[in-house]
Amino acid sequence: MGERSEKPSRRVTVSDVARLSGVSRATVSYVLNDAPNQTIPPATRQRVREAAAELGYTRSAAAVALRRGHSNIVLIVKDAALSGYITEPFIAAISERLRDAGHTPLTTDYTSDEALVALAGELGLFGVLSLAAVGAEVGPALEKSGVRRQYHSFGSRGEQTVDDERRPWEEEIGRAQVAHLSESGPMRMVYALPHPGSPRTTIARARARGAMGEYRRRTGEEMAAVVVGRERAEAREQIALLRSDAGEPRRLGVCCFDDVVAASVLAAALDSGIGVPDALSVIGVDDTPFAALMSPALSTVRVDSVLSGRRVAERFLGVDLDGGDAPAIEIVARATTAQVAAPPARRS
């Protein structure tokens, strides 16, 4: 090779590698980009690679993107509903699977269809993996801007609002809650929603829809929904009303949107002297760290967020899931849904 020199203090260029290896800039470019149909001797290829390694040369991502017309960036678009204990590992699993496939994941929050399309055009994205409901015009607009692959987990809104979007995997969680409560005996059930300002209201409605449908299927009755306040006094009043509606001695089962809502229900029951699970059975969702520490310990639905995230990424990548698209959920049965012994028969 040519004369050795100190690494330049500026960014190393193709010209620097060409000078050190004693070949043309075109040859360096062919070697470092693995250009096809080039008859370059193996010894020359080796010399170029050694020079690049010695100088610390790295290819410019912008230049690579310019040559092939797009970057390797996949934009992961979150909506406001994606918050809480399981979101971070869910997004991390998506990102890890995309990196394994050679992509660079970039996460952003959804603000508007227009902002998403504009951002895609500025970044020269390879793909968009949307976890937010977008308008029907977004897909064609992204394709026109050069995005090569898209996956929209909720499809497109069309004329619907975000709240109208179907989330079948969330509905399955609600169905699982009702099925579990039913195992401990007949009871009237209600669905406990989070406070109106919660960013997860869309998800809560989907879970409630699944629970209500399953309850109707099993009993022929309609399941009521109640918004559980964050203040203990407000929660006590709501639970007292629900208990009076249930009618004694019928038990009340509460399917809670998540473990935080379930904590409010249990606090209200404790303040009101309502026995759990004798008079009130409660099940949450998320299996948060505090669920097992409550008194009594909270039954909940555990969501395998890592597996769910990988499945979403693989749908984007076009990987055949081979029937593995079922919700990755598991019931964690604890004391709040324990079987209650039937009272002894009364003697005549």
Protein backbone atom coordinates (compact mmCIF):
# COMPACT_ATOMS: atom_id res chain seq x y z
CA MET A 1 0.00 0.00 0.00
CA GLY A 2 1.00 3.64 -0.13
CA GLU A 3 2.73 5.63 2.57
CA ARG A 4 1.17 5.32 6.01
CA SER A 5 -0.08 8.44 7.75
CA GLU A 6 -1.86 9.54 10.90
CA LYS A 7 -5.67 9.35 10.89
CA PRO A 8 -7.12 12.67 9.71
CA SER A 9 -8.74 14.78 12.43
CA ARG A 10 -11.65 15.49 10.04
CA ARG A 11 -14.10 12.87 8.78
CA VAL A 12 -12.31 10.20 6.75
CA THR A 13 -13.37 10.20 3.09
CA VAL A 14 -13.14 7.82 0.15
CA SER A 15 -10.26 9.94 -1.15
CA ASP A 16 -8.26 9.27 2.04
CA VAL A 17 -8.80 5.52 1.67
CA ALA A 18 -7.86 5.67 -2.02
CA ARG A 19 -4.64 7.59 -1.25
CA LEU A 20 -3.56 5.12 1.46
CA SER A 21 -4.41 2.00 -0.51
CA GLY A 22 -2.94 3.29 -3.79
CA VAL A 23 -6.06 2.79 -5.91
CA SER A 24 -8.66 5.05 -7.49
CA ARG A 25 -11.63 6.52 -5.65
CA ALA A 26 -13.93 4.53 -7.93
CA THR A 27 -12.24 1.27 -6.92
CA VAL A 28 -12.60 2.15 -3.23
CA SER A 29 -16.29 2.90 -3.76
CA TYR A 30 -16.83 -0.39 -5.60
CA VAL A 31 -15.13 -2.39 -2.84
CA LEU A 32 -16.72 -0.69 0.16
CA ASN A 33 -20.20 -0.83 -1.36
CA ASP A 34 -19.84 -4.43 -2.62
CA ALA A 35 -20.76 -3.28 -6.10
CA PRO A 36 -21.76 -6.20 -8.37
CA ASN A 37 -20.20 -7.00 -11.77
CA GLN A 38 -16.79 -5.56 -10.85
CA THR A 39 -13.68 -7.69 -11.53
CA ILE A 40 -11.47 -6.39 -8.75
CA PRO A 41 -8.68 -8.78 -7.62
CA PRO A 42 -9.08 -10.19 -4.11
CA ALA A 43 -5.71 -8.71 -3.07
CA THR A 44 -6.86 -5.23 -4.07
CA ARG A 45 -10.13 -5.66 -2.18
CA GLN A 46 -8.21 -6.70 0.90
CA ARG A 47 -5.85 -3.71 0.61
CA VAL A 48 -8.76 -1.28 0.38
CA ARG A 49 -10.53 -2.79 3.39
CA GLU A 50 -7.34 -2.70 5.48
CA ALA A 51 -6.82 0.96 4.60
CA ALA A 52 -10.41 1.79 5.51
CA ALA A 53 -10.05 -0.02 8.85
CA GLU A 54 -6.75 1.72 9.62
CA LEU A 55 -8.21 5.15 8.94
CA GLY A 56 -11.45 4.42 10.75
CA TYR A 57 -13.54 5.04 7.65
CA THR A 58 -17.33 4.68 8.03
CA ARG A 59 -19.80 5.09 5.24
CA SER A 60 -22.01 8.15 5.43
CA ALA A 61 -25.57 7.08 6.11
CA ALA A 62 -26.81 10.11 4.18
CA ALA A 63 -24.66 9.21 1.17
CA VAL A 64 -25.82 5.58 1.25
CA ALA A 65 -29.43 6.72 1.45
CA LEU A 66 -28.89 9.10 -1.46
CA ARG A 67 -27.46 6.31 -3.63
CA ARG A 68 -30.24 3.85 -3.01
CA GLY A 69 -33.06 6.40 -2.78
CA HIS A 70 -34.01 5.77 0.85
CA SER A 71 -32.49 5.24 4.28
CA ASN A 72 -32.82 2.06 6.35
CA ILE A 73 -34.86 3.96 8.96
CA VAL A 74 -38.22 2.57 10.05
CA LEU A 75 -40.41 5.13 11.79
CA ILE A 76 -42.44 3.68 14.67
CA VAL A 77 -45.45 5.94 15.20
CA LYS A 78 -47.03 5.83 18.68
CA ASP A 79 -50.42 7.17 19.67
CA ALA A 80 -51.26 8.72 23.02
CA ALA A 81 -52.97 5.55 24.21
CA LEU A 82 -49.65 3.72 24.31
CA SER A 83 -48.58 4.50 27.84
CA GLY A 84 -48.34 2.54 31.04
CA TYR A 85 -46.28 -0.32 32.38
CA ILE A 86 -46.23 -2.57 29.31
CA THR A 87 -45.57 0.05 26.63
CA GLU A 88 -41.82 0.45 27.12
CA PRO A 89 -40.94 -3.26 26.69
CA PHE A 90 -43.47 -3.46 23.82
CA ILE A 91 -41.77 -0.66 21.86
CA ALA A 92 -38.31 -1.97 22.79
CA ALA A 93 -39.19 -5.42 21.40
CA ILE A 94 -40.38 -3.88 18.13
CA SER A 95 -37.16 -1.87 17.85
CA GLU A 96 -34.94 -4.85 18.64
CA ARG A 97 -36.61 -7.03 16.01
CA LEU A 98 -36.26 -4.28 13.39
CA ARG A 99 -32.55 -3.87 14.23
CA ASP A 100 -32.08 -7.62 13.87
CA ALA A 101 -33.48 -7.26 10.36
CA GLY A 102 -30.95 -4.53 9.49
CA HIS A 103 -33.14 -1.47 10.03
CA THR A 104 -32.70 1.59 12.21
CA PRO A 105 -35.86 2.16 14.30
CA LEU A 106 -36.90 5.69 15.12
CA THR A 107 -39.88 6.33 17.43
CA THR A 108 -42.12 9.35 17.26
CA ASP A 109 -45.51 10.34 18.70
CA TYR A 110 -48.44 10.70 16.34
CA THR A 111 -49.69 14.28 16.08
CA SER A 112 -51.46 14.45 12.71
CA ASP A 113 -51.58 12.76 9.32
CA GLU A 114 -49.98 15.80 7.70
CA ALA A 115 -47.06 15.86 10.14
CA LEU A 116 -46.42 12.13 9.61
CA VAL A 117 -46.32 12.44 5.82
CA ALA A 118 -44.07 15.53 6.03
CA LEU A 119 -41.65 13.79 8.39
CA ALA A 120 -41.46 10.73 6.15
CA GLY A 121 -40.56 12.93 3.20
CA GLU A 122 -37.83 14.75 5.12
CA LEU A 123 -36.17 11.58 6.46
CA GLY A 124 -36.30 9.47 3.28
CA LEU A 125 -37.65 6.55 5.29
CA PHE A 126 -37.50 2.91 4.31
CA GLY A 127 -40.70 2.15 6.21
CA VAL A 128 -43.42 3.31 8.57
CA LEU A 129 -44.82 1.08 11.31
CA SER A 130 -47.84 2.90 12.66
CA LEU A 131 -49.34 2.07 16.05
CA ALA A 132 -51.80 4.95 15.63
CA ALA A 133 -54.98 5.14 13.58
CA VAL A 134 -54.28 7.24 10.48
CA GLY A 135 -56.46 8.55 7.68
CA ALA A 136 -57.08 6.56 4.49
CA GLU A 137 -55.01 9.03 2.46
CA VAL A 138 -51.83 8.51 4.50
CA GLY A 139 -50.79 5.21 2.89
CA PRO A 140 -50.78 6.51 -0.71
CA ALA A 141 -49.09 9.74 0.43
CA LEU A 142 -46.29 7.82 2.18
CA GLU A 143 -45.82 5.62 -0.87
CA LYS A 144 -45.58 8.70 -3.08
CA SER A 145 -42.91 10.16 -0.79
CA GLY A 146 -40.74 7.06 -1.32
CA VAL A 147 -41.62 4.91 1.71
CA ARG A 148 -41.08 1.35 0.54
CA ARG A 149 -42.89 -0.58 3.26
CA GLN A 150 -45.79 0.26 5.57
CA TYR A 151 -47.70 -1.46 8.34
CA HIS A 152 -50.67 0.19 10.03
CA SER A 153 -51.77 -1.80 13.05
CA PHE A 154 -55.27 -0.25 13.06
CA GLY A 155 -55.69 0.07 9.30
CA SER A 156 -56.97 3.50 8.31
CA ARG A 157 -59.69 5.55 9.93
CA GLY A 158 -61.66 6.31 6.80
CA GLU A 159 -64.72 8.16 8.05
CA GLN A 160 -64.44 6.76 11.58
CA THR A 161 -63.04 8.49 14.63
CA VAL A 162 -60.14 7.05 16.57
CA ASP A 163 -62.52 5.85 19.29
CA ASP A 164 -64.41 3.78 16.73
CA GLU A 165 -61.35 1.79 15.71
CA ARG A 166 -61.41 -1.92 16.42
CA ARG A 167 -58.64 -3.32 18.59
CA PRO A 168 -59.36 -7.07 18.63
CA TRP A 169 -56.39 -7.96 20.83
CA GLU A 170 -57.65 -5.52 23.50
CA GLU A 171 -61.16 -6.95 23.22
CA GLU A 172 -59.69 -10.39 23.88
CA ILE A 173 -58.31 -9.12 27.20
CA GLY A 174 -61.81 -8.06 28.27
CA ARG A 175 -63.22 -11.44 27.27
CA ALA A 176 -60.53 -13.20 29.30
CA GLN A 177 -61.43 -11.16 32.39
CA VAL A 178 -65.10 -12.16 32.20
CA ALA A 179 -64.22 -15.81 31.58
CA HIS A 180 -62.00 -15.87 34.67
CA LEU A 181 -64.55 -14.20 36.95
CA SER A 182 -67.17 -16.67 35.75
CA GLU A 183 -65.08 -19.56 37.03
CA SER A 184 -65.66 -18.49 40.65
CA GLY A 185 -69.43 -18.67 40.44
CA PRO A 186 -72.38 -16.63 39.19
CA MET A 187 -72.25 -12.89 39.76
CA ARG A 188 -73.33 -9.61 38.24
CA MET A 189 -70.41 -7.94 36.45
CA VAL A 190 -69.52 -4.36 35.58
CA TYR A 191 -66.62 -2.82 33.68
CA ALA A 192 -64.53 -0.15 35.43
CA LEU A 193 -63.13 2.52 33.10
CA PRO A 194 -60.32 5.00 33.91
CA HIS A 195 -60.96 8.69 34.50
CA PRO A 196 -62.13 10.64 31.41
CA GLY A 197 -58.80 12.45 31.01
CA SER A 198 -56.82 9.23 30.64
CA PRO A 199 -54.85 8.99 27.37
CA ARG A 200 -55.66 5.27 27.36
CA THR A 201 -59.42 5.72 27.09
CA THR A 202 -59.44 4.32 23.54
CA ILE A 203 -57.84 1.08 24.75
CA ALA A 204 -60.20 0.95 27.73
CA ARG A 205 -63.25 1.14 25.49
CA ALA A 206 -61.94 -1.71 23.36
CA ARG A 207 -61.38 -3.92 26.42
CA ALA A 208 -64.84 -3.01 27.72
CA ARG A 209 -66.35 -3.96 24.36
CA GLY A 210 -64.80 -7.41 24.59
CA ALA A 211 -65.90 -7.89 28.21
CA MET A 212 -69.47 -6.79 27.49
CA GLY A 213 -69.78 -9.11 24.52
CA GLU A 214 -68.51 -12.09 26.50
CA TYR A 215 -70.78 -11.32 29.45
CA ARG A 216 -73.78 -11.05 27.14
CA ARG A 217 -72.87 -14.33 25.48
CA ARG A 218 -72.62 -16.15 28.82
CA THR A 219 -75.58 -14.65 30.68
CA GLY A 220 -77.87 -12.94 28.20
CA GLU A 221 -77.55 -9.80 30.34
CA GLU A 222 -75.99 -6.42 29.58
CA MET A 223 -72.85 -5.35 31.43
CA ALA A 224 -72.82 -1.80 32.76
CA ALA A 225 -69.73 0.40 32.62
CA VAL A 226 -68.67 2.84 35.31
CA VAL A 227 -65.90 5.44 35.41
CA VAL A 228 -63.96 4.99 38.64
CA GLY A 229 -62.74 8.25 40.11
CA ARG A 230 -59.18 8.74 41.29
CA GLU A 231 -60.27 10.12 44.68
CA ARG A 232 -61.06 7.52 47.39
CA ALA A 233 -64.30 9.22 48.41
CA GLU A 234 -65.57 9.29 44.85
CA ALA A 235 -64.57 5.66 44.31
CA ARG A 236 -66.41 4.66 47.54
CA GLU A 237 -69.63 6.26 46.33
CA GLN A 238 -69.41 4.52 42.96
CA ILE A 239 -68.77 1.09 44.45
CA ALA A 240 -71.59 1.57 46.97
CA LEU A 241 -74.01 2.33 44.13
CA LEU A 242 -72.83 -0.70 42.19
CA ARG A 243 -73.30 -2.94 45.21
CA SER A 244 -76.84 -1.70 45.82
CA ASP A 245 -77.68 -2.30 42.17
CA ALA A 246 -76.32 -5.85 42.33
CA GLY A 247 -78.86 -6.92 44.91
CA GLU A 248 -78.00 -9.09 47.90
CA PRO A 249 -76.75 -11.72 48.25
CA ARG A 250 -75.55 -11.63 44.64
CA ARG A 251 -71.82 -11.07 44.27
CA LEU A 252 -70.43 -8.26 42.13
CA GLY A 253 -67.53 -8.83 39.76
CA VAL A 254 -65.53 -5.85 38.51
CA CYS A 255 -63.44 -6.10 35.35
CA CYS A 256 -61.01 -3.20 35.66
CA PHE A 257 -59.29 -1.55 32.72
CA ASP A 258 -55.91 -1.91 34.40
CA ASP A 259 -54.31 -2.52 37.78
CA VAL A 260 -54.42 1.19 38.66
CA VAL A 261 -58.21 1.27 38.30
CA ALA A 262 -58.36 -2.00 40.24
CA ALA A 263 -56.37 -0.38 43.07
CA SER A 264 -59.05 2.33 43.36
CA VAL A 265 -61.80 -0.30 43.48
CA LEU A 266 -60.01 -2.26 46.20
CA ALA A 267 -59.38 0.89 48.24
CA ALA A 268 -63.09 1.73 48.02
CA ALA A 269 -64.03 -1.78 49.10
CA LEU A 270 -61.66 -1.61 52.07
CA ASP A 271 -63.03 1.77 53.16
CA SER A 272 -66.60 0.50 52.84
CA GLY A 273 -66.05 -2.79 54.68
CA ILE A 274 -66.98 -4.81 51.58
CA GLY A 275 -65.45 -8.29 51.64
CA VAL A 276 -63.14 -9.23 48.76
CA PRO A 277 -63.67 -11.72 47.19
CA ASP A 278 -66.75 -12.81 49.21
CA ALA A 279 -68.96 -9.91 48.11
CA LEU A 280 -66.77 -8.26 45.48
CA SER A 281 -64.41 -9.92 42.98
CA VAL A 282 -61.88 -7.76 41.15
CA ILE A 283 -59.53 -8.37 38.21
CA GLY A 284 -57.12 -5.89 36.62
CA VAL A 285 -54.75 -5.90 33.65
CA ASP A 286 -50.96 -5.50 33.27
CA ASP A 287 -49.67 -7.48 36.29
CA THR A 288 -47.92 -4.39 37.55
CA PRO A 289 -45.24 -4.70 40.27
CA PHE A 290 -47.71 -3.65 42.98
CA ALA A 291 -50.49 -6.09 41.99
CA ALA A 292 -49.16 -8.93 44.13
CA LEU A 293 -48.49 -6.53 47.04
CA MET A 294 -52.09 -5.38 47.43
CA SER A 295 -54.24 -6.75 50.22
CA PRO A 296 -55.81 -8.96 49.11
CA ALA A 297 -53.42 -9.71 46.26
CA LEU A 298 -54.87 -8.60 42.92
CA SER A 299 -55.82 -11.03 40.17
CA THR A 300 -54.86 -9.59 36.80
CA VAL A 301 -54.21 -10.27 33.13
CA ARG A 302 -50.54 -10.46 32.23
CA VAL A 303 -49.71 -9.29 28.70
CA ASP A 304 -46.50 -10.61 27.14
CA SER A 305 -45.48 -7.23 25.73
CA VAL A 306 -42.16 -8.51 24.38
CA LEU A 307 -43.78 -11.26 22.35
CA SER A 308 -46.52 -8.86 21.22
CA GLY A 309 -43.91 -6.33 20.09
CA ARG A 310 -41.98 -8.92 18.11
CA ARG A 311 -45.18 -10.03 16.38
CA VAL A 312 -45.97 -6.46 15.34
CA ALA A 313 -42.45 -6.03 13.94
CA GLU A 314 -42.69 -9.32 12.07
CA ARG A 315 -45.98 -8.31 10.52
CA PHE A 316 -44.22 -5.18 9.26
CA LEU A 317 -41.34 -7.31 7.93
CA GLY A 318 -43.76 -9.67 6.20
CA VAL A 319 -42.76 -12.66 8.31
CA ASP A 320 -45.29 -15.50 8.33
CA LEU A 321 -46.48 -15.78 11.93
CA ASP A 322 -47.62 -19.37 11.33
CA GLY A 323 -50.75 -19.00 13.40
CA GLY A 324 -48.95 -17.09 16.15
CA ASP A 325 -51.20 -14.05 16.04
CA ALA A 326 -53.29 -14.93 19.08
CA PRO A 327 -53.11 -12.47 22.00
CA ALA A 328 -50.09 -13.13 24.21
CA ILE A 329 -52.03 -12.97 27.48
CA GLU A 330 -52.20 -15.00 30.67
CA ILE A 331 -54.51 -14.88 33.68
CA VAL A 332 -52.65 -14.40 36.98
CA ALA A 333 -55.15 -15.64 39.56
CA ARG A 334 -54.71 -14.25 43.08
CA ALA A 335 -56.91 -13.63 46.11
CA THR A 336 -59.31 -11.03 44.65
CA THR A 337 -61.00 -13.66 42.47
CA ALA A 338 -60.68 -16.71 44.70
CA GLN A 339 -63.47 -19.27 44.72
CA VAL A 340 -65.99 -18.51 47.45
CA ALA A 341 -67.47 -21.46 49.31
CA ALA A 342 -71.23 -21.77 49.01
CA PRO A 343 -73.05 -20.95 52.26
CA PRO A 344 -74.36 -23.97 54.21
CA ALA A 345 -77.91 -25.01 53.50
CA ARG A 346 -80.39 -23.55 55.94
CA ARG A 347 -82.25 -26.05 58.11
CA SER A 348 -86.00 -25.94 57.94
